[in-house]
């Protein structure tokens, strides 16, 4: 369980970084928020993915203490 939580946390942190670095038209097509011709960033998507990633990493650390 610890490995799953930690892996998902890392993946979500990478997704958050992608949301902060790439504009909406350059996001991969399977990402929510991909819009052709739109050059703005999806900051809210990045914040939510980052917070979820940190929560999952913290849960993985907490599970490892037991």
PDB file of N, CA and C in Angstrom:
ATOM      1  N   UNK A   1       0.823  -1.189   0.000  1.00  0.00           N
ATOM      2  CA  UNK A   1       0.000   0.000   0.000  1.00  0.00           C
ATOM      3  C   UNK A   1       0.870   1.257   0.000  1.00  0.00           C
ATOM      4  N   UNK A   2       1.970   1.189   0.751  1.00  0.00           N
ATOM      5  CA  UNK A   2       2.861   2.341   0.818  1.00  0.00           C
ATOM      6  C   UNK A   2       3.429   2.659  -0.562  1.00  0.00           C
ATOM      7  N   UNK A   3       3.817   1.637  -1.299  1.00  0.00           N
ATOM      8  CA  UNK A   3       4.387   1.830  -2.628  1.00  0.00           C
ATOM      9  C   UNK A   3       3.364   2.437  -3.586  1.00  0.00           C
ATOM     10  N   UNK A   4       2.119   1.994  -3.507  1.00  0.00           N
ATOM     11  CA  UNK A   4       1.065   2.512  -4.381  1.00  0.00           C
ATOM     12  C   UNK A   4       0.807   3.986  -4.086  1.00  0.00           C
ATOM     13  N   UNK A   5       0.674   4.344  -2.814  1.00  0.00           N
ATOM     14  CA  UNK A   5       0.421   5.734  -2.442  1.00  0.00           C
ATOM     15  C   UNK A   5       1.574   6.641  -2.856  1.00  0.00           C
ATOM     16  N   UNK A   6       2.788   6.190  -2.609  1.00  0.00           N
ATOM     17  CA  UNK A   6       3.958   6.994  -2.959  1.00  0.00           C
ATOM     18  C   UNK A   6       4.072   7.158  -4.475  1.00  0.00           C
ATOM     19  N   UNK A   7       3.829   6.094  -5.217  1.00  0.00           N
ATOM     20  CA  UNK A   7       3.906   6.170  -6.680  1.00  0.00           C
ATOM     21  C   UNK A   7       2.855   7.113  -7.248  1.00  0.00           C
ATOM     22  N   UNK A   8       1.635   7.003  -6.768  1.00  0.00           N
ATOM     23  CA  UNK A   8       0.575   7.905  -7.234  1.00  0.00           C
ATOM     24  C   UNK A   8       0.871   9.347  -6.862  1.00  0.00           C
ATOM     25  N   UNK A   9       1.448   9.566  -5.686  1.00  0.00           N
ATOM     26  CA  UNK A   9       1.823  10.914  -5.275  1.00  0.00           C
ATOM     27  C   UNK A   9       2.869  11.517  -6.193  1.00  0.00           C
ATOM     28  N   UNK A  10       3.862  10.725  -6.559  1.00  0.00           N
ATOM     29  CA  UNK A  10       4.905  11.214  -7.459  1.00  0.00           C
ATOM     30  C   UNK A  10       4.337  11.502  -8.842  1.00  0.00           C
ATOM     31  N   UNK A  11       3.477  10.611  -9.329  1.00  0.00           N
ATOM     32  CA  UNK A  11       2.861  10.826 -10.640  1.00  0.00           C
ATOM     33  C   UNK A  11       2.041  12.116 -10.646  1.00  0.00           C
ATOM     34  N   UNK A  12       1.285  12.357  -9.586  1.00  0.00           N
ATOM     35  CA  UNK A  12       0.476  13.573  -9.529  1.00  0.00           C
ATOM     36  C   UNK A  12       1.340  14.829  -9.422  1.00  0.00           C
ATOM     37  N   UNK A  13       2.469  14.756  -8.773  1.00  0.00           N
ATOM     38  CA  UNK A  13       3.369  15.906  -8.731  1.00  0.00           C
ATOM     39  C   UNK A  13       3.967  16.196 -10.110  1.00  0.00           C
ATOM     40  N   UNK A  14       4.246  15.154 -10.867  1.00  0.00           N
ATOM     41  CA  UNK A  14       4.728  15.348 -12.235  1.00  0.00           C
ATOM     42  C   UNK A  14       3.628  15.963 -13.099  1.00  0.00           C
ATOM     43  N   UNK A  15       2.392  15.485 -12.930  1.00  0.00           N
ATOM     44  CA  UNK A  15       1.257  16.046 -13.679  1.00  0.00           C
ATOM     45  C   UNK A  15       1.074  17.522 -13.319  1.00  0.00           C
ATOM     46  N   UNK A  16       1.221  17.862 -12.053  1.00  0.00           N
ATOM     47  CA  UNK A  16       1.105  19.259 -11.632  1.00  0.00           C
ATOM     48  C   UNK A  16       2.180  20.114 -12.303  1.00  0.00           C
ATOM     49  N   UNK A  17       3.386  19.596 -12.393  1.00  0.00           N
ATOM     50  CA  UNK A  17       4.458  20.336 -13.056  1.00  0.00           C
ATOM     51  C   UNK A  17       4.138  20.552 -14.532  1.00  0.00           C
ATOM     52  N   UNK A  18       3.558  19.551 -15.173  1.00  0.00           N
ATOM     53  CA  UNK A  18       3.185  19.685 -16.586  1.00  0.00           C
ATOM     54  C   UNK A  18       2.136  20.776 -16.750  1.00  0.00           C
ATOM     55  N   UNK A  19       1.161  20.811 -15.845  1.00  0.00           N
ATOM     56  CA  UNK A  19       0.132  21.847 -15.925  1.00  0.00           C
ATOM     57  C   UNK A  19       0.722  23.244 -15.757  1.00  0.00           C
ATOM     58  N   UNK A  20       1.745  23.401 -14.923  1.00  0.00           N
ATOM     59  CA  UNK A  20       2.340  24.713 -14.703  1.00  0.00           C
ATOM     60  C   UNK A  20       3.291  25.131 -15.821  1.00  0.00           C
ATOM     61  N   UNK A  21       3.840  24.179 -16.567  1.00  0.00           N
ATOM     62  CA  UNK A  21       4.852  24.487 -17.575  1.00  0.00           C
ATOM     63  C   UNK A  21       4.253  24.662 -18.971  1.00  0.00           C
ATOM     64  N   UNK A  22       3.238  23.858 -19.307  1.00  0.00           N
ATOM     65  CA  UNK A  22       2.708  23.869 -20.673  1.00  0.00           C
ATOM     66  C   UNK A  22       1.381  24.608 -20.759  1.00  0.00           C
ATOM     67  N   UNK A  23       1.178  25.377 -21.824  1.00  0.00           N
ATOM     68  CA  UNK A  23      -0.146  25.986 -22.036  1.00  0.00           C
ATOM     69  C   UNK A  23      -1.167  24.919 -22.447  1.00  0.00           C
ATOM     70  N   UNK A  24      -2.425  25.288 -22.439  1.00  0.00           N
ATOM     71  CA  UNK A  24      -3.514  24.324 -22.647  1.00  0.00           C
ATOM     72  C   UNK A  24      -3.449  23.644 -24.004  1.00  0.00           C
ATOM     73  N   UNK A  25      -2.978  24.322 -25.029  1.00  0.00           N
ATOM     74  CA  UNK A  25      -2.957  23.681 -26.348  1.00  0.00           C
ATOM     75  C   UNK A  25      -1.795  22.713 -26.528  1.00  0.00           C
ATOM     76  N   UNK A  26      -0.812  22.733 -25.618  1.00  0.00           N
ATOM     77  CA  UNK A  26       0.321  21.813 -25.707  1.00  0.00           C
ATOM     78  C   UNK A  26       0.227  20.654 -24.722  1.00  0.00           C
ATOM     79  N   UNK A  27      -0.823  20.633 -23.908  1.00  0.00           N
ATOM     80  CA  UNK A  27      -1.005  19.514 -22.990  1.00  0.00           C
ATOM     81  C   UNK A  27      -1.275  18.237 -23.775  1.00  0.00           C
ATOM     82  N   UNK A  28      -0.904  17.082 -23.221  1.00  0.00           N
ATOM     83  CA  UNK A  28      -1.283  15.834 -23.881  1.00  0.00           C
ATOM     84  C   UNK A  28      -2.802  15.746 -23.997  1.00  0.00           C
ATOM     85  N   UNK A  29      -3.279  15.109 -25.052  1.00  0.00           N
ATOM     86  CA  UNK A  29      -4.717  15.110 -25.337  1.00  0.00           C
ATOM     87  C   UNK A  29      -5.536  14.376 -24.280  1.00  0.00           C
ATOM     88  N   UNK A  30      -4.922  13.498 -23.484  1.00  0.00           N
ATOM     89  CA  UNK A  30      -5.673  12.773 -22.461  1.00  0.00           C
ATOM     90  C   UNK A  30      -5.742  13.533 -21.132  1.00  0.00           C
ATOM     91  N   UNK A  31      -5.097  14.691 -21.039  1.00  0.00           N
ATOM     92  CA  UNK A  31      -5.174  15.515 -19.831  1.00  0.00           C
ATOM     93  C   UNK A  31      -6.469  16.318 -19.841  1.00  0.00           C
ATOM     94  N   UNK A  32      -7.156  16.413 -18.706  1.00  0.00           N
ATOM     95  CA  UNK A  32      -8.299  17.326 -18.634  1.00  0.00           C
ATOM     96  C   UNK A  32      -7.815  18.768 -18.828  1.00  0.00           C
ATOM     97  N   UNK A  33      -8.518  19.532 -19.623  1.00  0.00           N
ATOM     98  CA  UNK A  33      -8.139  20.910 -19.863  1.00  0.00           C
ATOM     99  C   UNK A  33      -7.411  21.126 -21.175  1.00  0.00           C
ATOM    100  N   UNK A  34      -7.166  20.060 -21.926  1.00  0.00           N
ATOM    101  CA  UNK A  34      -6.527  20.210 -23.237  1.00  0.00           C
ATOM    102  C   UNK A  34      -7.494  20.915 -24.180  1.00  0.00           C
ATOM    103  N   UNK A  35      -7.097  22.085 -24.667  1.00  0.00           N
ATOM    104  CA  UNK A  35      -7.933  22.862 -25.582  1.00  0.00           C
ATOM    105  C   UNK A  35      -7.054  23.372 -26.712  1.00  0.00           C
ATOM    106  N   UNK A  36      -7.435  23.045 -27.926  1.00  0.00           N
ATOM    107  CA  UNK A  36      -6.668  23.506 -29.084  1.00  0.00           C
ATOM    108  C   UNK A  36      -6.801  25.021 -29.242  1.00  0.00           C
ATOM    109  N   UNK A  37      -5.688  25.685 -29.463  1.00  0.00           N
ATOM    110  CA  UNK A  37      -5.689  27.119 -29.707  1.00  0.00           C
ATOM    111  C   UNK A  37      -5.725  27.993 -28.470  1.00  0.00           C
ATOM    112  N   UNK A  38      -5.741  27.419 -27.293  1.00  0.00           N
ATOM    113  CA  UNK A  38      -5.783  28.202 -26.057  1.00  0.00           C
ATOM    114  C   UNK A  38      -4.373  28.250 -25.484  1.00  0.00           C
ATOM    115  N   UNK A  39      -3.865  29.450 -25.212  1.00  0.00           N
ATOM    116  CA  UNK A  39      -2.478  29.580 -24.762  1.00  0.00           C
ATOM    117  C   UNK A  39      -2.343  29.850 -23.271  1.00  0.00           C
ATOM    118  N   UNK A  40      -3.430  29.820 -22.537  1.00  0.00           N
ATOM    119  CA  UNK A  40      -3.312  30.094 -21.102  1.00  0.00           C
ATOM    120  C   UNK A  40      -2.970  28.813 -20.336  1.00  0.00           C
ATOM    121  N   UNK A  41      -2.437  28.992 -19.138  1.00  0.00           N
ATOM    122  CA  UNK A  41      -2.091  27.863 -18.276  1.00  0.00           C
ATOM    123  C   UNK A  41      -3.315  27.441 -17.470  1.00  0.00           C
ATOM    124  N   UNK A  42      -3.355  26.201 -17.087  1.00  0.00           N
ATOM    125  CA  UNK A  42      -4.416  25.708 -16.214  1.00  0.00           C
ATOM    126  C   UNK A  42      -3.860  25.628 -14.791  1.00  0.00           C
ATOM    127  N   UNK A  43      -3.803  26.761 -14.138  1.00  0.00           N
ATOM    128  CA  UNK A  43      -3.199  26.848 -12.815  1.00  0.00           C
ATOM    129  C   UNK A  43      -4.002  26.070 -11.774  1.00  0.00           C
ATOM    130  N   UNK A  44      -5.317  26.142 -11.839  1.00  0.00           N
ATOM    131  CA  UNK A  44      -6.139  25.431 -10.857  1.00  0.00           C
ATOM    132  C   UNK A  44      -5.949  23.925 -10.963  1.00  0.00           C
ATOM    133  N   UNK A  45      -5.850  23.410 -12.185  1.00  0.00           N
ATOM    134  CA  UNK A  45      -5.606  21.982 -12.363  1.00  0.00           C
ATOM    135  C   UNK A  45      -4.260  21.599 -11.740  1.00  0.00           C
ATOM    136  N   UNK A  46      -3.259  22.446 -11.938  1.00  0.00           N
ATOM    137  CA  UNK A  46      -1.942  22.188 -11.380  1.00  0.00           C
ATOM    138  C   UNK A  46      -1.930  22.223  -9.868  1.00  0.00           C
ATOM    139  N   UNK A  47      -2.651  23.168  -9.285  1.00  0.00           N
ATOM    140  CA  UNK A  47      -2.710  23.265  -7.820  1.00  0.00           C
ATOM    141  C   UNK A  47      -3.387  22.033  -7.238  1.00  0.00           C
ATOM    142  N   UNK A  48      -4.498  21.623  -7.832  1.00  0.00           N
ATOM    143  CA  UNK A  48      -5.230  20.460  -7.321  1.00  0.00           C
ATOM    144  C   UNK A  48      -4.384  19.195  -7.454  1.00  0.00           C
ATOM    145  N   UNK A  49      -3.718  19.018  -8.584  1.00  0.00           N
ATOM    146  CA  UNK A  49      -2.865  17.842  -8.767  1.00  0.00           C
ATOM    147  C   UNK A  49      -1.697  17.861  -7.786  1.00  0.00           C
ATOM    148  N   UNK A  50      -1.113  19.029  -7.545  1.00  0.00           N
ATOM    149  CA  UNK A  50      -0.009  19.135  -6.605  1.00  0.00           C
ATOM    150  C   UNK A  50      -0.418  18.847  -5.170  1.00  0.00           C
ATOM    151  N   UNK A  51      -1.550  19.390  -4.767  1.00  0.00           N
ATOM    152  CA  UNK A  51      -2.031  19.136  -3.402  1.00  0.00           C
ATOM    153  C   UNK A  51      -2.377  17.657  -3.223  1.00  0.00           C
ATOM    154  N   UNK A  52      -3.042  17.069  -4.220  1.00  0.00           N
ATOM    155  CA  UNK A  52      -3.374  15.642  -4.132  1.00  0.00           C
ATOM    156  C   UNK A  52      -2.104  14.791  -4.080  1.00  0.00           C
ATOM    157  N   UNK A  53      -1.087  15.172  -4.848  1.00  0.00           N
ATOM    158  CA  UNK A  53       0.179  14.452  -4.815  1.00  0.00           C
ATOM    159  C   UNK A  53       0.860  14.540  -3.460  1.00  0.00           C
ATOM    160  N   UNK A  54       0.846  15.719  -2.857  1.00  0.00           N
ATOM    161  CA  UNK A  54       1.447  15.874  -1.528  1.00  0.00           C
ATOM    162  C   UNK A  54       0.683  15.082  -0.473  1.00  0.00           C
ATOM    163  N   UNK A  55      -0.643  15.070  -0.577  1.00  0.00           N
ATOM    164  CA  UNK A  55      -1.448  14.298   0.376  1.00  0.00           C
ATOM    165  C   UNK A  55      -1.142  12.803   0.247  1.00  0.00           C
ATOM    166  N   UNK A  56      -1.040  12.311  -0.983  1.00  0.00           N
ATOM    167  CA  UNK A  56      -0.735  10.895  -1.174  1.00  0.00           C
ATOM    168  C   UNK A  56       0.670  10.553  -0.706  1.00  0.00           C
ATOM    169  N   UNK A  57       1.630  11.445  -0.925  1.00  0.00           N
ATOM    170  CA  UNK A  57       2.980  11.203  -0.405  1.00  0.00           C
ATOM    171  C   UNK A  57       2.986  11.174   1.118  1.00  0.00           C
ATOM    172  N   UNK A  58       2.264  12.084   1.733  1.00  0.00           N
ATOM    173  CA  UNK A  58       2.179  12.096   3.193  1.00  0.00           C
ATOM    174  C   UNK A  58       1.509  10.830   3.716  1.00  0.00           C
ATOM    175  N   UNK A  59       0.481  10.375   3.013  1.00  0.00           N
ATOM    176  CA  UNK A  59      -0.195   9.128   3.410  1.00  0.00           C
ATOM    177  C   UNK A  59       0.761   7.937   3.276  1.00  0.00           C
ATOM    178  N   UNK A  60       1.582   7.947   2.234  1.00  0.00           N
ATOM    179  CA  UNK A  60       2.561   6.875   2.067  1.00  0.00           C
ATOM    180  C   UNK A  60       3.602   6.861   3.175  1.00  0.00           C
ATOM    181  N   UNK A  61       4.043   8.042   3.581  1.00  0.00           N
ATOM    182  CA  UNK A  61       4.990   8.128   4.699  1.00  0.00           C
ATOM    183  C   UNK A  61       4.322   7.686   5.987  1.00  0.00           C
ATOM    184  N   UNK A  62       3.080   8.089   6.180  1.00  0.00           N
ATOM    185  CA  UNK A  62       2.362   7.718   7.398  1.00  0.00           C
ATOM    186  C   UNK A  62       2.129   6.220   7.449  1.00  0.00           C
ATOM    187  N   UNK A  63       1.798   5.621   6.308  1.00  0.00           N
ATOM    188  CA  UNK A  63       1.597   4.161   6.260  1.00  0.00           C
ATOM    189  C   UNK A  63       2.901   3.423   6.545  1.00  0.00           C
ATOM    190  N   UNK A  64       4.026   4.016   6.173  1.00  0.00           N
ATOM    191  CA  UNK A  64       5.318   3.380   6.378  1.00  0.00           C
ATOM    192  C   UNK A  64       5.738   3.352   7.831  1.00  0.00           C
ATOM    193  N   UNK A  65       5.164   4.202   8.653  1.00  0.00           N
ATOM    194  CA  UNK A  65       5.534   4.249  10.072  1.00  0.00           C
ATOM    195  C   UNK A  65       4.892   3.143  10.872  1.00  0.00           C
ATOM    196  N   UNK A  66       3.827   2.584  10.373  1.00  0.00           N
ATOM    197  CA  UNK A  66       3.135   1.519  11.132  1.00  0.00           C
ATOM    198  C   UNK A  66       3.856   0.207  11.029  1.00  0.00           C
TER     199      UNK A  66
END
